[in-house]
């Protein structure tokens, strides 16, 4: 029991509350967004409808070069972010290696909280873990887009669909779902980037950490459920096949 208390004592109570609140907010928002998108619709749900329509229309095309180009272009975003994330992780590891010098440099920033080197390194480890998670999500999104490209390349000829030997709807459901999963995984990585800014605020104070966490969650909610682009996408939902 004493060992546990000593382990917990290296962070003040306010910092523990801010840290726990951060993870509760993150996991809670992910769960909320997943459930809400099924009933009220979200940016991801709206774009998934367009992905279904895209895959459905692909079944009418004899040559699907344009579809392959679109898939390739979609995969460039997670590829770019994965490469960028590697650089960020390298920078954070370099700061961890610098130790006391990096802690002193951050402590010199205006309004930055004065903490021990152990606490400073703990915050860096948390940031590194977030970006490692983002890296895995981005790279998995890249692979899923590859699977989507395989489905497009292996799609039956349009004459086969016309003869009824294959179902257009079944193909659109399967291929559209793969594309949607790739987009959802990419979205997870982007959320990690947004929430990493909340962790940066922790270097200033736990109260700034709490406020930044709430602010980032609010921004994510506005963009996924209240944005203008969502209204534009919803306005065309009636044209679905």
Protein backbone atom coordinates (compact mmCIF):
# COMPACT_ATOMS: atom_id res chain seq x y z
CA UNK A 1 0.00 0.00 0.00
CA UNK A 2 2.81 2.40 0.90
CA UNK A 3 4.57 1.56 -2.36
CA UNK A 4 1.42 2.47 -4.29
CA UNK A 5 1.01 5.75 -2.42
CA UNK A 6 4.62 6.65 -3.15
CA UNK A 7 4.10 5.90 -6.84
CA UNK A 8 1.01 8.09 -6.95
CA UNK A 9 2.65 10.91 -5.02
CA UNK A 10 5.02 11.90 -7.83
CA UNK A 11 2.10 13.79 -9.45
CA UNK A 12 -0.08 16.31 -7.59
CA UNK A 13 -3.80 15.55 -7.28
CA UNK A 14 -4.77 18.18 -9.87
CA UNK A 15 -2.48 16.56 -12.44
CA UNK A 16 -3.94 13.11 -11.80
CA UNK A 17 -7.47 14.51 -12.18
CA UNK A 18 -6.51 16.23 -15.44
CA UNK A 19 -4.88 13.06 -16.78
CA UNK A 20 -7.79 10.80 -15.85
CA UNK A 21 -10.25 13.34 -17.25
CA UNK A 22 -8.27 13.40 -20.51
CA UNK A 23 -8.59 9.66 -21.07
CA UNK A 24 -12.23 9.60 -19.99
CA UNK A 25 -12.99 12.43 -22.42
CA UNK A 26 -11.11 10.72 -25.26
CA UNK A 27 -12.66 7.28 -24.80
CA UNK A 28 -16.06 8.75 -24.02
CA UNK A 29 -16.07 10.88 -27.15
CA UNK A 30 -15.02 7.97 -29.36
CA UNK A 31 -17.87 5.87 -27.95
CA UNK A 32 -20.34 8.76 -28.25
CA UNK A 33 -19.33 9.56 -31.84
CA UNK A 34 -19.62 5.92 -32.86
CA UNK A 35 -23.14 5.58 -31.43
CA UNK A 36 -24.32 9.03 -32.52
CA UNK A 37 -23.29 8.49 -36.13
CA UNK A 38 -25.67 5.52 -36.35
CA UNK A 39 -28.73 7.51 -35.33
CA UNK A 40 -28.17 11.20 -36.10
CA UNK A 41 -25.46 10.99 -38.70
CA UNK A 42 -21.94 12.34 -38.66
CA UNK A 43 -19.36 13.51 -41.16
CA UNK A 44 -18.04 9.96 -41.38
CA UNK A 45 -21.51 8.48 -41.88
CA UNK A 46 -22.29 11.04 -44.59
CA UNK A 47 -19.06 10.32 -46.47
CA UNK A 48 -19.67 6.58 -46.10
CA UNK A 49 -22.90 7.02 -48.05
CA UNK A 50 -20.89 8.68 -50.81
CA UNK A 51 -18.38 5.85 -50.76
CA UNK A 52 -21.22 3.37 -51.25
CA UNK A 53 -22.51 5.40 -54.20
CA UNK A 54 -18.99 5.59 -55.63
CA UNK A 55 -18.54 1.80 -55.48
CA UNK A 56 -22.04 1.28 -56.90
CA UNK A 57 -21.30 3.57 -59.86
CA UNK A 58 -17.98 1.76 -60.42
CA UNK A 59 -19.94 -1.37 -61.35
CA UNK A 60 -21.28 0.44 -64.45
CA UNK A 61 -17.83 1.42 -65.75
CA UNK A 62 -15.97 -0.77 -68.22
CA UNK A 63 -12.63 0.86 -67.39
CA UNK A 64 -12.05 1.64 -63.71
CA UNK A 65 -8.77 3.51 -63.97
CA UNK A 66 -10.31 6.62 -62.41
CA UNK A 67 -11.44 4.58 -59.38
CA UNK A 68 -7.91 3.29 -58.85
CA UNK A 69 -6.55 6.83 -59.06
CA UNK A 70 -9.06 8.03 -56.46
CA UNK A 71 -8.10 5.22 -54.07
CA UNK A 72 -4.43 6.05 -54.54
CA UNK A 73 -5.08 9.73 -53.83
CA UNK A 74 -7.06 8.87 -50.70
CA UNK A 75 -4.18 6.78 -49.37
CA UNK A 76 -1.71 9.67 -49.68
CA UNK A 77 -3.16 11.46 -46.62
CA UNK A 78 -2.50 8.65 -44.11
CA UNK A 79 0.87 8.08 -45.78
CA UNK A 80 1.84 11.72 -45.26
CA UNK A 81 0.69 11.73 -41.65
CA UNK A 82 2.46 8.45 -40.91
CA UNK A 83 5.75 9.90 -42.20
CA UNK A 84 5.22 13.10 -40.23
CA UNK A 85 4.40 11.14 -37.08
CA UNK A 86 7.70 9.26 -37.29
CA UNK A 87 9.54 12.61 -37.28
CA UNK A 88 7.52 13.83 -34.29
CA UNK A 89 8.23 10.63 -32.35
CA UNK A 90 11.93 11.01 -33.12
CA UNK A 91 11.88 14.58 -31.81
CA UNK A 92 10.10 13.55 -28.62
CA UNK A 93 12.57 10.72 -28.01
CA UNK A 94 15.41 13.18 -28.53
CA UNK A 95 13.86 15.44 -25.86
CA UNK A 96 13.59 12.46 -23.53
CA UNK A 97 17.28 11.82 -24.10
CA UNK A 98 18.13 15.45 -23.35
CA UNK A 99 16.46 15.09 -19.95
CA UNK A 100 17.42 17.94 -17.65
CA UNK A 101 18.32 20.36 -20.45
CA UNK A 102 14.94 19.91 -22.16
CA UNK A 103 13.14 20.32 -18.83
CA UNK A 104 15.01 23.55 -18.10
CA UNK A 105 14.29 24.87 -21.60
CA UNK A 106 10.53 24.27 -21.24
CA UNK A 107 10.54 25.73 -17.72
CA UNK A 108 11.88 28.99 -19.18
CA UNK A 109 8.76 29.42 -21.30
CA UNK A 110 6.30 32.06 -20.03
CA UNK A 111 3.61 30.60 -17.74
CA UNK A 112 5.10 27.09 -17.95
CA UNK A 113 4.75 25.05 -14.76
CA UNK A 114 7.93 24.27 -12.80
CA UNK A 115 8.05 20.51 -12.31
CA UNK A 116 10.59 17.84 -11.54
CA UNK A 117 12.50 16.14 -14.33
CA UNK A 118 10.55 12.93 -13.66
CA UNK A 119 7.19 14.65 -14.15
CA UNK A 120 8.46 16.39 -17.29
CA UNK A 121 9.60 13.07 -18.76
CA UNK A 122 6.27 11.47 -17.85
CA UNK A 123 4.47 14.12 -19.92
CA UNK A 124 6.82 13.49 -22.83
CA UNK A 125 6.18 9.74 -22.58
CA UNK A 126 2.43 10.39 -22.75
CA UNK A 127 2.85 12.55 -25.86
CA UNK A 128 5.08 9.90 -27.44
CA UNK A 129 2.52 7.17 -26.69
CA UNK A 130 -0.24 9.23 -28.35
CA UNK A 131 1.81 9.68 -31.51
CA UNK A 132 2.80 6.01 -31.56
CA UNK A 133 -0.91 5.16 -31.43
CA UNK A 134 -1.56 7.65 -34.25
CA UNK A 135 1.23 6.07 -36.32
CA UNK A 136 -0.33 2.62 -36.04
CA UNK A 137 -3.74 3.99 -37.02
CA UNK A 138 -2.36 5.84 -40.06
CA UNK A 139 -0.38 2.85 -41.31
CA UNK A 140 -3.38 0.54 -40.82
CA UNK A 141 -5.49 3.02 -42.80
CA UNK A 142 -2.92 2.83 -45.61
CA UNK A 143 -3.19 -0.96 -45.68
CA UNK A 144 -6.99 -0.82 -45.69
CA UNK A 145 -6.95 1.49 -48.71
CA UNK A 146 -4.69 -1.10 -50.37
CA UNK A 147 -7.34 -3.74 -49.67
CA UNK A 148 -9.94 -1.40 -51.16
CA UNK A 149 -7.82 -1.01 -54.29
CA UNK A 150 -7.65 -4.81 -54.57
CA UNK A 151 -11.44 -5.03 -54.41
CA UNK A 152 -11.81 -2.40 -57.13
CA UNK A 153 -9.25 -4.20 -59.29
CA UNK A 154 -10.93 -7.56 -58.76
CA UNK A 155 -14.46 -6.27 -59.42
CA UNK A 156 -16.34 -8.28 -62.07
CA UNK A 157 -16.81 -6.82 -65.53
CA UNK A 158 -19.82 -4.53 -65.91
CA UNK A 159 -21.39 -7.07 -68.33
CA UNK A 160 -21.40 -9.65 -65.54
CA UNK A 161 -23.35 -7.23 -63.36
CA UNK A 162 -25.76 -6.51 -66.23
CA UNK A 163 -26.45 -10.23 -66.71
CA UNK A 164 -27.24 -10.56 -63.02
CA UNK A 165 -24.37 -12.95 -62.37
CA UNK A 166 -23.09 -10.60 -59.66
CA UNK A 167 -24.93 -8.14 -57.43
CA UNK A 168 -24.07 -4.46 -57.72
CA UNK A 169 -25.41 -3.82 -54.23
CA UNK A 170 -23.36 -6.60 -52.66
CA UNK A 171 -20.18 -5.30 -54.26
CA UNK A 172 -20.96 -1.72 -53.21
CA UNK A 173 -21.67 -2.88 -49.65
CA UNK A 174 -18.39 -4.78 -49.37
CA UNK A 175 -16.08 -2.34 -51.14
CA UNK A 176 -17.75 0.70 -49.60
CA UNK A 177 -17.39 -0.82 -46.13
CA UNK A 178 -13.64 -1.39 -46.65
CA UNK A 179 -13.19 2.21 -47.81
CA UNK A 180 -15.24 3.39 -44.84
CA UNK A 181 -13.11 1.42 -42.39
CA UNK A 182 -9.96 2.95 -43.89
CA UNK A 183 -11.44 6.44 -43.46
CA UNK A 184 -12.54 5.68 -39.90
CA UNK A 185 -9.05 4.46 -38.98
CA UNK A 186 -7.54 7.61 -40.50
CA UNK A 187 -10.03 9.64 -38.47
CA UNK A 188 -8.77 7.95 -35.28
CA UNK A 189 -5.26 9.09 -36.09
CA UNK A 190 -6.41 12.66 -36.72
CA UNK A 191 -8.22 12.71 -33.38
CA UNK A 192 -4.96 11.72 -31.72
CA UNK A 193 -3.26 14.71 -33.32
CA UNK A 194 -5.97 17.04 -32.05
CA UNK A 195 -5.82 15.64 -28.53
CA UNK A 196 -2.03 15.86 -28.45
CA UNK A 197 -2.45 19.65 -28.35
CA UNK A 198 -4.39 19.24 -25.11
CA UNK A 199 -1.43 17.33 -23.64
CA UNK A 200 0.93 20.13 -24.70
CA UNK A 201 -1.12 22.47 -22.49
CA UNK A 202 -0.21 20.22 -19.54
CA UNK A 203 3.31 21.66 -19.64
CA UNK A 204 1.77 24.94 -18.51
CA UNK A 205 -0.62 23.68 -15.81
CA UNK A 206 -3.11 20.89 -15.10
CA UNK A 207 -5.93 23.45 -15.32
CA UNK A 208 -4.82 24.42 -18.82
CA UNK A 209 -4.74 20.68 -19.60
CA UNK A 210 -8.35 20.28 -18.46
CA UNK A 211 -9.55 23.33 -20.40
CA UNK A 212 -7.68 22.28 -23.54
CA UNK A 213 -9.13 18.76 -23.36
CA UNK A 214 -12.65 20.19 -23.16
CA UNK A 215 -11.88 22.62 -25.98
CA UNK A 216 -10.51 19.96 -28.30
CA UNK A 217 -13.49 17.67 -27.68
CA UNK A 218 -15.82 20.58 -28.45
CA UNK A 219 -13.97 21.33 -31.71
CA UNK A 220 -14.11 17.65 -32.73
CA UNK A 221 -17.84 17.55 -32.01
CA UNK A 222 -18.49 20.72 -34.01
CA UNK A 223 -16.57 19.45 -37.02
CA UNK A 224 -18.04 15.95 -37.01
CA UNK A 225 -21.66 16.81 -36.20
CA UNK A 226 -22.26 20.54 -36.77
CA UNK A 227 -20.03 21.58 -39.67
CA UNK A 228 -21.17 23.26 -42.88
CA UNK A 229 -19.62 20.53 -45.01
CA UNK A 230 -21.81 17.96 -43.22
CA UNK A 231 -24.93 19.93 -44.16
CA UNK A 232 -23.79 19.99 -47.79
CA UNK A 233 -23.22 16.22 -47.78
CA UNK A 234 -26.57 15.59 -46.10
CA UNK A 235 -28.38 17.71 -48.68
CA UNK A 236 -27.43 15.18 -51.36
CA UNK A 237 -28.40 12.09 -49.35
CA UNK A 238 -31.71 11.82 -51.16
CA UNK A 239 -29.90 11.09 -54.39
CA UNK A 240 -28.51 7.78 -53.15
CA UNK A 241 -29.02 4.82 -55.47
